Amino acid sequence: MKKADPSLVTRSASRFSALGAEPRLQILRLLLAAHPEGMVAGEVQEEMGIPASTLSHHLEKLKQVGLVKVRRESTFLRYAADTDALREVMTFLYEECCTRSRAVAPEAVVQISR
């Protein structure tokens, strides 16, 4: 097995850990559905039905691990999924499961994403 870059392993572990919280996974799915525009925090809060402080905590964690980008628009913060980071996470898994070891057929991964 080819040894993965240690910084990639660390980054991926942090991202998987962040996605291990159900609200964060739901938030990321919402932001992916709103891609590429993203959503302002109030829209995410309305959709999720959670307190602003709780949402802020989850968004900050996703931002810290690089899964979410944020930009200021006047008095609002607009959040968007970082698709480059998601691609890196998916590639990290895909490299072993679907290429060298063939544990999962590449065609199955494509079917999952449809």
C-alpha atoms as a PDB file:
ATOM      1  CA  MET A   1       0.000   0.000   0.000  1.00  0.00           C
ATOM      2  CA  LYS A   2       1.327   3.410  -0.966  1.00  0.00           C
ATOM      3  CA  LYS A   3       1.693   5.553   2.133  1.00  0.00           C
ATOM      4  CA  ALA A   4      -0.534   8.635   2.005  1.00  0.00           C
ATOM      5  CA  ASP A   5       0.867  12.103   2.621  1.00  0.00           C
ATOM      6  CA  PRO A   6       0.680  12.616   6.421  1.00  0.00           C
ATOM      7  CA  SER A   7      -0.838  16.089   6.059  1.00  0.00           C
ATOM      8  CA  LEU A   8      -3.559  14.658   3.817  1.00  0.00           C
ATOM      9  CA  VAL A   9      -4.314  11.958   6.388  1.00  0.00           C
ATOM     10  CA  THR A  10      -4.523  14.557   9.169  1.00  0.00           C
ATOM     11  CA  ARG A  11      -6.706  16.876   7.088  1.00  0.00           C
ATOM     12  CA  SER A  12      -9.002  14.029   6.060  1.00  0.00           C
ATOM     13  CA  ALA A  13      -9.331  12.770   9.640  1.00  0.00           C
ATOM     14  CA  SER A  14     -10.316  16.263  10.805  1.00  0.00           C
ATOM     15  CA  ARG A  15     -12.896  16.533   8.046  1.00  0.00           C
ATOM     16  CA  PHE A  16     -14.381  13.103   8.757  1.00  0.00           C
ATOM     17  CA  SER A  17     -14.535  13.984  12.441  1.00  0.00           C
ATOM     18  CA  ALA A  18     -16.394  17.211  11.670  1.00  0.00           C
ATOM     19  CA  LEU A  19     -18.854  15.323   9.469  1.00  0.00           C
ATOM     20  CA  GLY A  20     -19.428  12.819  12.269  1.00  0.00           C
ATOM     21  CA  ALA A  21     -21.888  15.227  13.882  1.00  0.00           C
ATOM     22  CA  GLU A  22     -25.327  14.817  12.325  1.00  0.00           C
ATOM     23  CA  PRO A  23     -26.145  18.556  12.184  1.00  0.00           C
ATOM     24  CA  ARG A  24     -22.889  19.286  10.352  1.00  0.00           C
ATOM     25  CA  LEU A  25     -23.556  16.585   7.819  1.00  0.00           C
ATOM     26  CA  GLN A  26     -27.045  18.009   7.263  1.00  0.00           C
ATOM     27  CA  ILE A  27     -25.641  21.532   6.930  1.00  0.00           C
ATOM     28  CA  LEU A  28     -23.100  20.393   4.359  1.00  0.00           C
ATOM     29  CA  ARG A  29     -25.822  18.630   2.357  1.00  0.00           C
ATOM     30  CA  LEU A  30     -27.906  21.820   2.429  1.00  0.00           C
ATOM     31  CA  LEU A  31     -24.964  23.864   1.207  1.00  0.00           C
ATOM     32  CA  LEU A  32     -24.267  21.368  -1.555  1.00  0.00           C
ATOM     33  CA  ALA A  33     -27.897  21.599  -2.657  1.00  0.00           C
ATOM     34  CA  ALA A  34     -27.474  25.394  -2.812  1.00  0.00           C
ATOM     35  CA  HIS A  35     -24.180  25.180  -4.702  1.00  0.00           C
ATOM     36  CA  PRO A  36     -22.596  27.326  -6.050  1.00  0.00           C
ATOM     37  CA  GLU A  37     -24.438  30.294  -4.507  1.00  0.00           C
ATOM     38  CA  GLY A  38     -24.547  28.884  -0.991  1.00  0.00           C
ATOM     39  CA  MET A  39     -26.847  30.206   1.699  1.00  0.00           C
ATOM     40  CA  VAL A  40     -26.799  33.004   4.229  1.00  0.00           C
ATOM     41  CA  ALA A  41     -26.678  31.848   7.832  1.00  0.00           C
ATOM     42  CA  GLY A  42     -30.320  32.803   8.438  1.00  0.00           C
ATOM     43  CA  GLU A  43     -31.468  30.590   5.579  1.00  0.00           C
ATOM     44  CA  VAL A  44     -29.498  27.658   6.966  1.00  0.00           C
ATOM     45  CA  GLN A  45     -30.930  28.313  10.426  1.00  0.00           C
ATOM     46  CA  GLU A  46     -34.475  28.432   9.078  1.00  0.00           C
ATOM     47  CA  GLU A  47     -33.976  25.197   7.179  1.00  0.00           C
ATOM     48  CA  MET A  48     -32.318  23.424  10.118  1.00  0.00           C
ATOM     49  CA  GLY A  49     -34.563  24.783  12.847  1.00  0.00           C
ATOM     50  CA  ILE A  50     -31.730  25.142  15.367  1.00  0.00           C
ATOM     51  CA  PRO A  51     -30.695  28.102  17.547  1.00  0.00           C
ATOM     52  CA  ALA A  52     -28.336  30.643  15.966  1.00  0.00           C
ATOM     53  CA  SER A  53     -25.578  29.947  18.509  1.00  0.00           C
ATOM     54  CA  THR A  54     -25.702  26.212  17.776  1.00  0.00           C
ATOM     55  CA  LEU A  55     -25.643  26.829  14.038  1.00  0.00           C
ATOM     56  CA  SER A  56     -22.731  29.229  14.423  1.00  0.00           C
ATOM     57  CA  HIS A  57     -20.776  26.555  16.287  1.00  0.00           C
ATOM     58  CA  HIS A  58     -21.371  23.963  13.554  1.00  0.00           C
ATOM     59  CA  LEU A  59     -20.602  26.360  10.704  1.00  0.00           C
ATOM     60  CA  GLU A  60     -17.395  27.444  12.410  1.00  0.00           C
ATOM     61  CA  LYS A  61     -16.253  23.828  12.778  1.00  0.00           C
ATOM     62  CA  LEU A  62     -16.967  23.129   9.089  1.00  0.00           C
ATOM     63  CA  LYS A  63     -15.079  26.285   8.166  1.00  0.00           C
ATOM     64  CA  GLN A  64     -12.104  25.351  10.383  1.00  0.00           C
ATOM     65  CA  VAL A  65     -11.640  22.009   8.629  1.00  0.00           C
ATOM     66  CA  GLY A  66     -12.018  23.614   5.215  1.00  0.00           C
ATOM     67  CA  LEU A  67     -15.307  22.039   4.136  1.00  0.00           C
ATOM     68  CA  VAL A  68     -17.139  25.362   4.035  1.00  0.00           C
ATOM     69  CA  LYS A  69     -16.217  28.787   2.683  1.00  0.00           C
ATOM     70  CA  VAL A  70     -17.726  31.986   4.015  1.00  0.00           C
ATOM     71  CA  ARG A  71     -17.971  35.465   2.553  1.00  0.00           C
ATOM     72  CA  ARG A  72     -19.467  38.636   3.934  1.00  0.00           C
ATOM     73  CA  GLU A  73     -22.308  40.293   2.035  1.00  0.00           C
ATOM     74  CA  SER A  74     -23.133  43.555   3.770  1.00  0.00           C
ATOM     75  CA  THR A  75     -24.349  42.431   7.207  1.00  0.00           C
ATOM     76  CA  PHE A  76     -24.837  38.792   6.191  1.00  0.00           C
ATOM     77  CA  LEU A  77     -22.487  35.834   6.061  1.00  0.00           C
ATOM     78  CA  ARG A  78     -22.933  33.560   3.052  1.00  0.00           C
ATOM     79  CA  TYR A  79     -21.729  29.986   3.425  1.00  0.00           C
ATOM     80  CA  ALA A  80     -20.928  27.604   0.585  1.00  0.00           C
ATOM     81  CA  ALA A  81     -19.575  24.074   0.437  1.00  0.00           C
ATOM     82  CA  ASP A  82     -15.933  23.904  -0.606  1.00  0.00           C
ATOM     83  CA  THR A  83     -16.181  21.382  -3.404  1.00  0.00           C
ATOM     84  CA  ASP A  84     -12.401  21.179  -3.801  1.00  0.00           C
ATOM     85  CA  ALA A  85     -12.120  20.012  -0.185  1.00  0.00           C
ATOM     86  CA  LEU A  86     -14.932  17.507  -0.704  1.00  0.00           C
ATOM     87  CA  ARG A  87     -13.244  16.209  -3.836  1.00  0.00           C
ATOM     88  CA  GLU A  88     -10.048  15.724  -1.825  1.00  0.00           C
ATOM     89  CA  VAL A  89     -11.917  13.749   0.864  1.00  0.00           C
ATOM     90  CA  MET A  90     -13.646  11.577  -1.716  1.00  0.00           C
ATOM     91  CA  THR A  91     -10.393  10.977  -3.587  1.00  0.00           C
ATOM     92  CA  PHE A  92      -8.700  10.032  -0.318  1.00  0.00           C
ATOM     93  CA  LEU A  93     -11.190   7.176   0.104  1.00  0.00           C
ATOM     94  CA  TYR A  94     -11.485   6.323  -3.575  1.00  0.00           C
ATOM     95  CA  GLU A  95      -7.759   5.756  -4.041  1.00  0.00           C
ATOM     96  CA  GLU A  96      -7.735   2.626  -1.916  1.00  0.00           C
ATOM     97  CA  CYS A  97     -11.249   1.264  -2.135  1.00  0.00           C
ATOM     98  CA  CYS A  98     -11.807   1.603  -5.840  1.00  0.00           C
ATOM     99  CA  THR A  99      -8.458   1.581  -7.574  1.00  0.00           C
ATOM    100  CA  ARG A 100      -5.701  -0.635  -6.240  1.00  0.00           C
ATOM    101  CA  SER A 101      -7.707  -2.944  -3.975  1.00  0.00           C
ATOM    102  CA  ARG A 102     -10.939  -2.914  -6.023  1.00  0.00           C
ATOM    103  CA  ALA A 103     -12.945  -3.369  -2.781  1.00  0.00           C
ATOM    104  CA  VAL A 104     -15.684  -1.358  -4.461  1.00  0.00           C
ATOM    105  CA  ALA A 105     -16.133  -1.285  -8.210  1.00  0.00           C
ATOM    106  CA  PRO A 106     -15.621   2.242  -9.600  1.00  0.00           C
ATOM    107  CA  GLU A 107     -18.946   1.908 -11.414  1.00  0.00           C
ATOM    108  CA  ALA A 108     -20.701   1.498  -8.046  1.00  0.00           C
ATOM    109  CA  VAL A 109     -19.324   4.828  -6.853  1.00  0.00           C
ATOM    110  CA  VAL A 110     -20.675   6.539  -9.933  1.00  0.00           C
ATOM    111  CA  GLN A 111     -24.065   4.888  -9.380  1.00  0.00           C
ATOM    112  CA  ILE A 112     -24.150   6.081  -5.767  1.00  0.00           C
ATOM    113  CA  SER A 113     -23.647   9.673  -6.829  1.00  0.00           C
ATOM    114  CA  ARG A 114     -26.530   9.681  -9.303  1.00  0.00           C
END
